[in-house]
Amino acid sequence: MEIPYCIVKGKARLGAIVHKKTASVLCLTSVKNEDKLEFSKILEAIKANFNDKYEENRKKWGGGVMGSKSQAKTKAKERVLQKEAAQRMT
């Protein structure tokens, strides 16, 4: 759909745009003629930083770091699988 979006830190920043204390979501439907040039610059930055990098950011979600208990369980499962594989070979 190519709809530009961005994630803004803090609801107060969005609220400042609409002259409210806070706002959780904004949808801009029209822009004043005198603000169109500045808005287009912001829009290009948004597209470059959020929309175009969607796949890249999605793949980096989470660290994949397990705790000590999970690591111990995984090692135990691997040992059991190795023993079973060794028994099948003989």
PDB file of N, CA and C in Angstrom:
ATOM      1  N   MET A   1       0.815  -1.198   0.000  1.00  0.00           N
ATOM      2  CA  MET A   1       0.000   0.000   0.000  1.00  0.00           C
ATOM      3  C   MET A   1       0.856   1.259   0.000  1.00  0.00           C
ATOM      4  N   GLU A   2       2.131   1.114   0.387  1.00  0.00           N
ATOM      5  CA  GLU A   2       3.050   2.247   0.346  1.00  0.00           C
ATOM      6  C   GLU A   2       2.579   3.443   1.169  1.00  0.00           C
ATOM      7  N   ILE A   3       1.981   3.186   2.298  1.00  0.00           N
ATOM      8  CA  ILE A   3       1.561   4.263   3.195  1.00  0.00           C
ATOM      9  C   ILE A   3       2.708   4.538   4.150  1.00  0.00           C
ATOM     10  N   PRO A   4       3.248   5.751   4.141  1.00  0.00           N
ATOM     11  CA  PRO A   4       4.364   6.039   5.037  1.00  0.00           C
ATOM     12  C   PRO A   4       3.922   6.046   6.499  1.00  0.00           C
ATOM     13  N   TYR A   5       4.750   5.465   7.353  1.00  0.00           N
ATOM     14  CA  TYR A   5       4.468   5.448   8.783  1.00  0.00           C
ATOM     15  C   TYR A   5       5.776   5.632   9.536  1.00  0.00           C
ATOM     16  N   CYS A   6       5.690   6.002  10.780  1.00  0.00           N
ATOM     17  CA  CYS A   6       6.885   6.042  11.616  1.00  0.00           C
ATOM     18  C   CYS A   6       6.481   5.823  13.064  1.00  0.00           C
ATOM     19  N   ILE A   7       7.446   5.389  13.843  1.00  0.00           N
ATOM     20  CA  ILE A   7       7.243   5.179  15.266  1.00  0.00           C
ATOM     21  C   ILE A   7       7.907   6.344  15.981  1.00  0.00           C
ATOM     22  N   VAL A   8       7.135   7.036  16.798  1.00  0.00           N
ATOM     23  CA  VAL A   8       7.619   8.237  17.470  1.00  0.00           C
ATOM     24  C   VAL A   8       7.788   7.932  18.950  1.00  0.00           C
ATOM     25  N   LYS A   9       8.870   8.397  19.524  1.00  0.00           N
ATOM     26  CA  LYS A   9       9.129   8.171  20.940  1.00  0.00           C
ATOM     27  C   LYS A   9       8.285   9.134  21.762  1.00  0.00           C
ATOM     28  N   GLY A  10       7.315   8.614  22.436  1.00  0.00           N
ATOM     29  CA  GLY A  10       6.495   9.406  23.348  1.00  0.00           C
ATOM     30  C   GLY A  10       5.231   9.962  22.717  1.00  0.00           C
ATOM     31  N   LYS A  11       4.126   9.795  23.423  1.00  0.00           N
ATOM     32  CA  LYS A  11       2.842  10.309  22.950  1.00  0.00           C
ATOM     33  C   LYS A  11       2.785  11.825  23.007  1.00  0.00           C
ATOM     34  N   ALA A  12       3.608  12.430  23.843  1.00  0.00           N
ATOM     35  CA  ALA A  12       3.603  13.889  23.972  1.00  0.00           C
ATOM     36  C   ALA A  12       4.091  14.560  22.691  1.00  0.00           C
ATOM     37  N   ARG A  13       5.018  13.918  21.989  1.00  0.00           N
ATOM     38  CA  ARG A  13       5.513  14.488  20.731  1.00  0.00           C
ATOM     39  C   ARG A  13       4.408  14.524  19.680  1.00  0.00           C
ATOM     40  N   LEU A  14       3.602  13.489  19.634  1.00  0.00           N
ATOM     41  CA  LEU A  14       2.473  13.491  18.701  1.00  0.00           C
ATOM     42  C   LEU A  14       1.427  14.500  19.131  1.00  0.00           C
ATOM     43  N   GLY A  15       1.219  14.614  20.420  1.00  0.00           N
ATOM     44  CA  GLY A  15       0.250  15.577  20.930  1.00  0.00           C
ATOM     45  C   GLY A  15       0.626  17.002  20.597  1.00  0.00           C
ATOM     46  N   ALA A  16       1.907  17.292  20.526  1.00  0.00           N
ATOM     47  CA  ALA A  16       2.351  18.646  20.191  1.00  0.00           C
ATOM     48  C   ALA A  16       1.920  19.043  18.783  1.00  0.00           C
ATOM     49  N   ILE A  17       1.808  18.086  17.892  1.00  0.00           N
ATOM     50  CA  ILE A  17       1.400  18.379  16.516  1.00  0.00           C
ATOM     51  C   ILE A  17      -0.052  18.836  16.459  1.00  0.00           C
ATOM     52  N   VAL A  18      -0.901  18.219  17.270  1.00  0.00           N
ATOM     53  CA  VAL A  18      -2.335  18.538  17.233  1.00  0.00           C
ATOM     54  C   VAL A  18      -2.763  19.418  18.405  1.00  0.00           C
ATOM     55  N   HIS A  19      -1.796  19.997  19.094  1.00  0.00           N
ATOM     56  CA  HIS A  19      -2.059  20.922  20.204  1.00  0.00           C
ATOM     57  C   HIS A  19      -2.876  20.274  21.319  1.00  0.00           C
ATOM     58  N   LYS A  20      -2.503  19.048  21.665  1.00  0.00           N
ATOM     59  CA  LYS A  20      -3.093  18.324  22.789  1.00  0.00           C
ATOM     60  C   LYS A  20      -1.959  17.884  23.708  1.00  0.00           C
ATOM     61  N   LYS A  21      -2.330  17.400  24.889  1.00  0.00           N
ATOM     62  CA  LYS A  21      -1.311  16.949  25.833  1.00  0.00           C
ATOM     63  C   LYS A  21      -0.602  15.704  25.290  1.00  0.00           C
ATOM     64  N   THR A  22      -1.391  14.712  24.889  1.00  0.00           N
ATOM     65  CA  THR A  22      -0.830  13.495  24.304  1.00  0.00           C
ATOM     66  C   THR A  22      -1.726  13.023  23.169  1.00  0.00           C
ATOM     67  N   ALA A  23      -1.154  12.238  22.301  1.00  0.00           N
ATOM     68  CA  ALA A  23      -1.898  11.574  21.230  1.00  0.00           C
ATOM     69  C   ALA A  23      -1.177  10.269  20.933  1.00  0.00           C
ATOM     70  N   SER A  24      -1.914   9.179  20.836  1.00  0.00           N
ATOM     71  CA  SER A  24      -1.270   7.894  20.609  1.00  0.00           C
ATOM     72  C   SER A  24      -1.090   7.592  19.124  1.00  0.00           C
ATOM     73  N   VAL A  25      -1.974   8.118  18.276  1.00  0.00           N
ATOM     74  CA  VAL A  25      -1.905   7.852  16.842  1.00  0.00           C
ATOM     75  C   VAL A  25      -2.314   9.105  16.091  1.00  0.00           C
ATOM     76  N   LEU A  26      -1.652   9.365  14.970  1.00  0.00           N
ATOM     77  CA  LEU A  26      -2.032  10.488  14.114  1.00  0.00           C
ATOM     78  C   LEU A  26      -2.173  10.013  12.684  1.00  0.00           C
ATOM     79  N   CYS A  27      -3.136  10.575  11.991  1.00  0.00           N
ATOM     80  CA  CYS A  27      -3.295  10.347  10.566  1.00  0.00           C
ATOM     81  C   CYS A  27      -3.459  11.713   9.917  1.00  0.00           C
ATOM     82  N   LEU A  28      -2.501  12.092   9.105  1.00  0.00           N
ATOM     83  CA  LEU A  28      -2.546  13.400   8.460  1.00  0.00           C
ATOM     84  C   LEU A  28      -3.229  13.255   7.103  1.00  0.00           C
ATOM     85  N   THR A  29      -4.327  13.997   6.917  1.00  0.00           N
ATOM     86  CA  THR A  29      -5.071  13.901   5.665  1.00  0.00           C
ATOM     87  C   THR A  29      -4.796  15.066   4.739  1.00  0.00           C
ATOM     88  N   SER A  30      -4.414  16.202   5.289  1.00  0.00           N
ATOM     89  CA  SER A  30      -4.106  17.353   4.445  1.00  0.00           C
ATOM     90  C   SER A  30      -3.003  18.180   5.101  1.00  0.00           C
ATOM     91  N   VAL A  31      -2.278  18.913   4.263  1.00  0.00           N
ATOM     92  CA  VAL A  31      -1.169  19.742   4.727  1.00  0.00           C
ATOM     93  C   VAL A  31      -1.325  21.119   4.097  1.00  0.00           C
ATOM     94  N   LYS A  32      -1.079  22.153   4.883  1.00  0.00           N
ATOM     95  CA  LYS A  32      -1.166  23.519   4.357  1.00  0.00           C
ATOM     96  C   LYS A  32      -0.119  23.717   3.262  1.00  0.00           C
ATOM     97  N   ASN A  33      -0.437  24.587   2.312  1.00  0.00           N
ATOM     98  CA  ASN A  33       0.481  24.833   1.196  1.00  0.00           C
ATOM     99  C   ASN A  33       1.834  25.351   1.662  1.00  0.00           C
ATOM    100  N   GLU A  34       1.855  26.203   2.673  1.00  0.00           N
ATOM    101  CA  GLU A  34       3.128  26.750   3.136  1.00  0.00           C
ATOM    102  C   GLU A  34       3.976  25.713   3.870  1.00  0.00           C
ATOM    103  N   ASP A  35       3.365  24.610   4.301  1.00  0.00           N
ATOM    104  CA  ASP A  35       4.096  23.569   5.018  1.00  0.00           C
ATOM    105  C   ASP A  35       4.454  22.371   4.143  1.00  0.00           C
ATOM    106  N   LYS A  36       4.043  22.374   2.888  1.00  0.00           N
ATOM    107  CA  LYS A  36       4.240  21.196   2.040  1.00  0.00           C
ATOM    108  C   LYS A  36       5.711  20.884   1.788  1.00  0.00           C
ATOM    109  N   LEU A  37       6.542  21.884   1.606  1.00  0.00           N
ATOM    110  CA  LEU A  37       7.961  21.643   1.344  1.00  0.00           C
ATOM    111  C   LEU A  37       8.630  20.971   2.546  1.00  0.00           C
ATOM    112  N   GLU A  38       8.393  21.504   3.718  1.00  0.00           N
ATOM    113  CA  GLU A  38       8.973  20.923   4.934  1.00  0.00           C
ATOM    114  C   GLU A  38       8.404  19.533   5.199  1.00  0.00           C
ATOM    115  N   PHE A  39       7.110  19.362   4.965  1.00  0.00           N
ATOM    116  CA  PHE A  39       6.475  18.062   5.175  1.00  0.00           C
ATOM    117  C   PHE A  39       7.036  17.016   4.208  1.00  0.00           C
ATOM    118  N   SER A  40       7.312  17.409   2.976  1.00  0.00           N
ATOM    119  CA  SER A  40       7.854  16.448   2.014  1.00  0.00           C
ATOM    120  C   SER A  40       9.248  15.980   2.438  1.00  0.00           C
ATOM    121  N   LYS A  41      10.043  16.857   3.046  1.00  0.00           N
ATOM    122  CA  LYS A  41      11.364  16.466   3.547  1.00  0.00           C
ATOM    123  C   LYS A  41      11.223  15.446   4.676  1.00  0.00           C
ATOM    124  N   ILE A  42      10.293  15.722   5.577  1.00  0.00           N
ATOM    125  CA  ILE A  42      10.050  14.799   6.694  1.00  0.00           C
ATOM    126  C   ILE A  42       9.547  13.464   6.166  1.00  0.00           C
ATOM    127  N   LEU A  43       8.666  13.516   5.181  1.00  0.00           N
ATOM    128  CA  LEU A  43       8.090  12.309   4.601  1.00  0.00           C
ATOM    129  C   LEU A  43       9.164  11.449   3.939  1.00  0.00           C
ATOM    130  N   GLU A  44      10.100  12.055   3.253  1.00  0.00           N
ATOM    131  CA  GLU A  44      11.186  11.301   2.630  1.00  0.00           C
ATOM    132  C   GLU A  44      12.060  10.636   3.688  1.00  0.00           C
ATOM    133  N   ALA A  45      12.325  11.336   4.780  1.00  0.00           N
ATOM    134  CA  ALA A  45      13.119  10.750   5.862  1.00  0.00           C
ATOM    135  C   ALA A  45      12.383   9.577   6.502  1.00  0.00           C
ATOM    136  N   ILE A  46      11.085   9.720   6.664  1.00  0.00           N
ATOM    137  CA  ILE A  46      10.276   8.637   7.237  1.00  0.00           C
ATOM    138  C   ILE A  46      10.319   7.419   6.330  1.00  0.00           C
ATOM    139  N   LYS A  47      10.126   7.625   5.045  1.00  0.00           N
ATOM    140  CA  LYS A  47      10.150   6.496   4.108  1.00  0.00           C
ATOM    141  C   LYS A  47      11.508   5.811   4.110  1.00  0.00           C
ATOM    142  N   ALA A  48      12.571   6.592   4.156  1.00  0.00           N
ATOM    143  CA  ALA A  48      13.916   6.017   4.127  1.00  0.00           C
ATOM    144  C   ALA A  48      14.223   5.235   5.397  1.00  0.00           C
ATOM    145  N   ASN A  49      13.793   5.735   6.544  1.00  0.00           N
ATOM    146  CA  ASN A  49      14.156   5.108   7.817  1.00  0.00           C
ATOM    147  C   ASN A  49      13.203   4.018   8.273  1.00  0.00           C
ATOM    148  N   PHE A  50      11.956   4.031   7.839  1.00  0.00           N
ATOM    149  CA  PHE A  50      10.995   3.039   8.313  1.00  0.00           C
ATOM    150  C   PHE A  50      10.490   2.134   7.199  1.00  0.00           C
ATOM    151  N   ASN A  51       9.879   2.687   6.183  1.00  0.00           N
ATOM    152  CA  ASN A  51       9.239   1.876   5.152  1.00  0.00           C
ATOM    153  C   ASN A  51      10.253   1.068   4.347  1.00  0.00           C
ATOM    154  N   ASP A  52      11.327   1.693   3.903  1.00  0.00           N
ATOM    155  CA  ASP A  52      12.290   1.009   3.055  1.00  0.00           C
ATOM    156  C   ASP A  52      13.124  -0.011   3.820  1.00  0.00           C
ATOM    157  N   LYS A  53      13.252   0.137   5.126  1.00  0.00           N
ATOM    158  CA  LYS A  53      14.058  -0.774   5.937  1.00  0.00           C
ATOM    159  C   LYS A  53      13.204  -1.779   6.708  1.00  0.00           C
ATOM    160  N   TYR A  54      11.961  -1.982   6.285  1.00  0.00           N
ATOM    161  CA  TYR A  54      11.050  -2.861   7.019  1.00  0.00           C
ATOM    162  C   TYR A  54      11.614  -4.271   7.144  1.00  0.00           C
ATOM    163  N   GLU A  55      12.012  -4.865   6.032  1.00  0.00           N
ATOM    164  CA  GLU A  55      12.506  -6.241   6.062  1.00  0.00           C
ATOM    165  C   GLU A  55      13.770  -6.359   6.917  1.00  0.00           C
ATOM    166  N   GLU A  56      14.652  -5.391   6.791  1.00  0.00           N
ATOM    167  CA  GLU A  56      15.895  -5.409   7.557  1.00  0.00           C
ATOM    168  C   GLU A  56      15.617  -5.340   9.058  1.00  0.00           C
ATOM    169  N   ASN A  57      14.717  -4.463   9.467  1.00  0.00           N
ATOM    170  CA  ASN A  57      14.394  -4.315  10.887  1.00  0.00           C
ATOM    171  C   ASN A  57      13.636  -5.519  11.418  1.00  0.00           C
ATOM    172  N   ARG A  58      12.798  -6.120  10.600  1.00  0.00           N
ATOM    173  CA  ARG A  58      12.012  -7.267  11.031  1.00  0.00           C
ATOM    174  C   ARG A  58      12.918  -8.456  11.332  1.00  0.00           C
ATOM    175  N   LYS A  59      13.967  -8.630  10.569  1.00  0.00           N
ATOM    176  CA  LYS A  59      14.858  -9.770  10.752  1.00  0.00           C
ATOM    177  C   LYS A  59      15.731  -9.640  11.990  1.00  0.00           C
ATOM    178  N   LYS A  60      15.914  -8.441  12.503  1.00  0.00           N
ATOM    179  CA  LYS A  60      16.775  -8.226  13.660  1.00  0.00           C
ATOM    180  C   LYS A  60      16.008  -8.263  14.975  1.00  0.00           C
ATOM    181  N   TRP A  61      14.775  -8.702  14.964  1.00  0.00           N
ATOM    182  CA  TRP A  61      13.959  -8.694  16.163  1.00  0.00           C
ATOM    183  C   TRP A  61      14.489  -9.725  17.147  1.00  0.00           C
ATOM    184  N   GLY A  62      14.787  -9.326  18.334  1.00  0.00           N
ATOM    185  CA  GLY A  62      15.213 -10.245  19.384  1.00  0.00           C
ATOM    186  C   GLY A  62      16.684 -10.608  19.278  1.00  0.00           C
ATOM    187  N   GLY A  63      17.245 -11.031  20.388  1.00  0.00           N
ATOM    188  CA  GLY A  63      18.666 -11.309  20.421  1.00  0.00           C
ATOM    189  C   GLY A  63      19.029 -12.772  20.319  1.00  0.00           C
ATOM    190  N   GLY A  64      18.089 -13.679  20.579  1.00  0.00           N
ATOM    191  CA  GLY A  64      18.389 -15.093  20.509  1.00  0.00           C
ATOM    192  C   GLY A  64      19.276 -15.576  21.646  1.00  0.00           C
ATOM    193  N   VAL A  65      19.337 -14.851  22.745  1.00  0.00           N
ATOM    194  CA  VAL A  65      20.172 -15.217  23.880  1.00  0.00           C
ATOM    195  C   VAL A  65      19.319 -15.992  24.876  1.00  0.00           C
ATOM    196  N   MET A  66      19.776 -17.203  25.202  1.00  0.00           N
ATOM    197  CA  MET A  66      19.037 -18.023  26.156  1.00  0.00           C
ATOM    198  C   MET A  66      19.676 -17.920  27.531  1.00  0.00           C
ATOM    199  N   GLY A  67      18.857 -18.114  28.545  1.00  0.00           N
ATOM    200  CA  GLY A  67      19.351 -18.113  29.906  1.00  0.00           C
ATOM    201  C   GLY A  67      20.087 -19.403  30.220  1.00  0.00           C
ATOM    202  N   SER A  68      20.660 -19.486  31.416  1.00  0.00           N
ATOM    203  CA  SER A  68      21.468 -20.655  31.780  1.00  0.00           C
ATOM    204  C   SER A  68      20.629 -21.930  31.850  1.00  0.00           C
ATOM    205  N   LYS A  69      19.395 -21.830  32.344  1.00  0.00           N
ATOM    206  CA  LYS A  69      18.531 -23.009  32.423  1.00  0.00           C
ATOM    207  C   LYS A  69      18.184 -23.518  31.030  1.00  0.00           C
ATOM    208  N   SER A  70      17.854 -22.614  30.133  1.00  0.00           N
ATOM    209  CA  SER A  70      17.507 -23.009  28.767  1.00  0.00           C
ATOM    210  C   SER A  70      18.705 -23.610  28.047  1.00  0.00           C
ATOM    211  N   GLN A  71      19.882 -23.048  28.277  1.00  0.00           N
ATOM    212  CA  GLN A  71      21.091 -23.592  27.662  1.00  0.00           C
ATOM    213  C   GLN A  71      21.361 -25.004  28.167  1.00  0.00           C
ATOM    214  N   ALA A  72      21.156 -25.231  29.463  1.00  0.00           N
ATOM    215  CA  ALA A  72      21.377 -26.557  30.036  1.00  0.00           C
ATOM    216  C   ALA A  72      20.393 -27.566  29.451  1.00  0.00           C
ATOM    217  N   LYS A  73      19.134 -27.183  29.315  1.00  0.00           N
ATOM    218  CA  LYS A  73      18.134 -28.081  28.734  1.00  0.00           C
ATOM    219  C   LYS A  73      18.461 -28.406  27.284  1.00  0.00           C
ATOM    220  N   THR A  74      18.910 -27.407  26.535  1.00  0.00           N
ATOM    221  CA  THR A  74      19.257 -27.619  25.134  1.00  0.00           C
ATOM    222  C   THR A  74      20.441 -28.570  25.013  1.00  0.00           C
ATOM    223  N   LYS A  75      21.454 -28.398  25.860  1.00  0.00           N
ATOM    224  CA  LYS A  75      22.615 -29.290  25.843  1.00  0.00           C
ATOM    225  C   LYS A  75      22.210 -30.718  26.195  1.00  0.00           C
ATOM    226  N   ALA A  76      21.314 -30.862  27.178  1.00  0.00           N
ATOM    227  CA  ALA A  76      20.852 -32.192  27.570  1.00  0.00           C
ATOM    228  C   ALA A  76      20.102 -32.859  26.418  1.00  0.00           C
ATOM    229  N   LYS A  77      19.271 -32.118  25.726  1.00  0.00           N
ATOM    230  CA  LYS A  77      18.542 -32.674  24.576  1.00  0.00           C
ATOM    231  C   LYS A  77      19.500 -33.086  23.469  1.00  0.00           C
ATOM    232  N   GLU A  78      20.540 -32.273  23.237  1.00  0.00           N
ATOM    233  CA  GLU A  78      21.523 -32.602  22.208  1.00  0.00           C
ATOM    234  C   GLU A  78      22.279 -33.879  22.560  1.00  0.00           C
ATOM    235  N   ARG A  79      22.626 -34.050  23.838  1.00  0.00           N
ATOM    236  CA  ARG A  79      23.321 -35.264  24.272  1.00  0.00           C
ATOM    237  C   ARG A  79      22.455 -36.495  24.041  1.00  0.00           C
ATOM    238  N   VAL A  80      21.172 -36.384  24.375  1.00  0.00           N
ATOM    239  CA  VAL A  80      20.255 -37.510  24.181  1.00  0.00           C
ATOM    240  C   VAL A  80      20.155 -37.852  22.700  1.00  0.00           C
ATOM    241  N   LEU A  81      20.049 -36.839  21.854  1.00  0.00           N
ATOM    242  CA  LEU A  81      19.963 -37.079  20.414  1.00  0.00           C
ATOM    243  C   LEU A  81      21.248 -37.705  19.871  1.00  0.00           C
ATOM    244  N   GLN A  82      22.397 -37.290  20.398  1.00  0.00           N
ATOM    245  CA  GLN A  82      23.668 -37.870  19.961  1.00  0.00           C
ATOM    246  C   GLN A  82      23.772 -39.337  20.372  1.00  0.00           C
ATOM    247  N   LYS A  83      23.319 -39.660  21.583  1.00  0.00           N
ATOM    248  CA  LYS A  83      23.339 -41.053  22.044  1.00  0.00           C
ATOM    249  C   LYS A  83      22.439 -41.914  21.174  1.00  0.00           C
ATOM    250  N   GLU A  84      21.250 -41.400  20.852  1.00  0.00           N
ATOM    251  CA  GLU A  84      20.324 -42.151  20.005  1.00  0.00           C
ATOM    252  C   GLU A  84      20.907 -42.359  18.613  1.00  0.00           C
ATOM    253  N   ALA A  85      21.563 -41.343  18.084  1.00  0.00           N
ATOM    254  CA  ALA A  85      22.177 -41.461  16.759  1.00  0.00           C
ATOM    255  C   ALA A  85      23.317 -42.477  16.786  1.00  0.00           C
ATOM    256  N   ALA A  86      24.092 -42.496  17.882  1.00  0.00           N
ATOM    257  CA  ALA A  86      25.193 -43.449  18.014  1.00  0.00           C
ATOM    258  C   ALA A  86      24.657 -44.873  18.118  1.00  0.00           C
ATOM    259  N   GLN A  87      23.543 -45.072  18.819  1.00  0.00           N
ATOM    260  CA  GLN A  87      22.954 -46.399  18.953  1.00  0.00           C
ATOM    261  C   GLN A  87      22.409 -46.888  17.618  1.00  0.00           C
ATOM    262  N   ARG A  88      21.890 -45.998  16.810  1.00  0.00           N
ATOM    263  CA  ARG A  88      21.359 -46.382  15.499  1.00  0.00           C
ATOM    264  C   ARG A  88      22.481 -46.819  14.561  1.00  0.00           C
ATOM    265  N   MET A  89      23.642 -46.192  14.706  1.00  0.00           N
ATOM    266  CA  MET A  89      24.775 -46.521  13.841  1.00  0.00           C
ATOM    267  C   MET A  89      25.326 -47.905  14.153  1.00  0.00           C
ATOM    268  N   THR A  90      25.246 -48.328  15.418  1.00  0.00           N
ATOM    269  CA  THR A  90      25.822 -49.625  15.789  1.00  0.00           C
ATOM    270  C   THR A  90      24.837 -50.736  15.729  1.00  0.00           C
TER     271      THR A  90
END
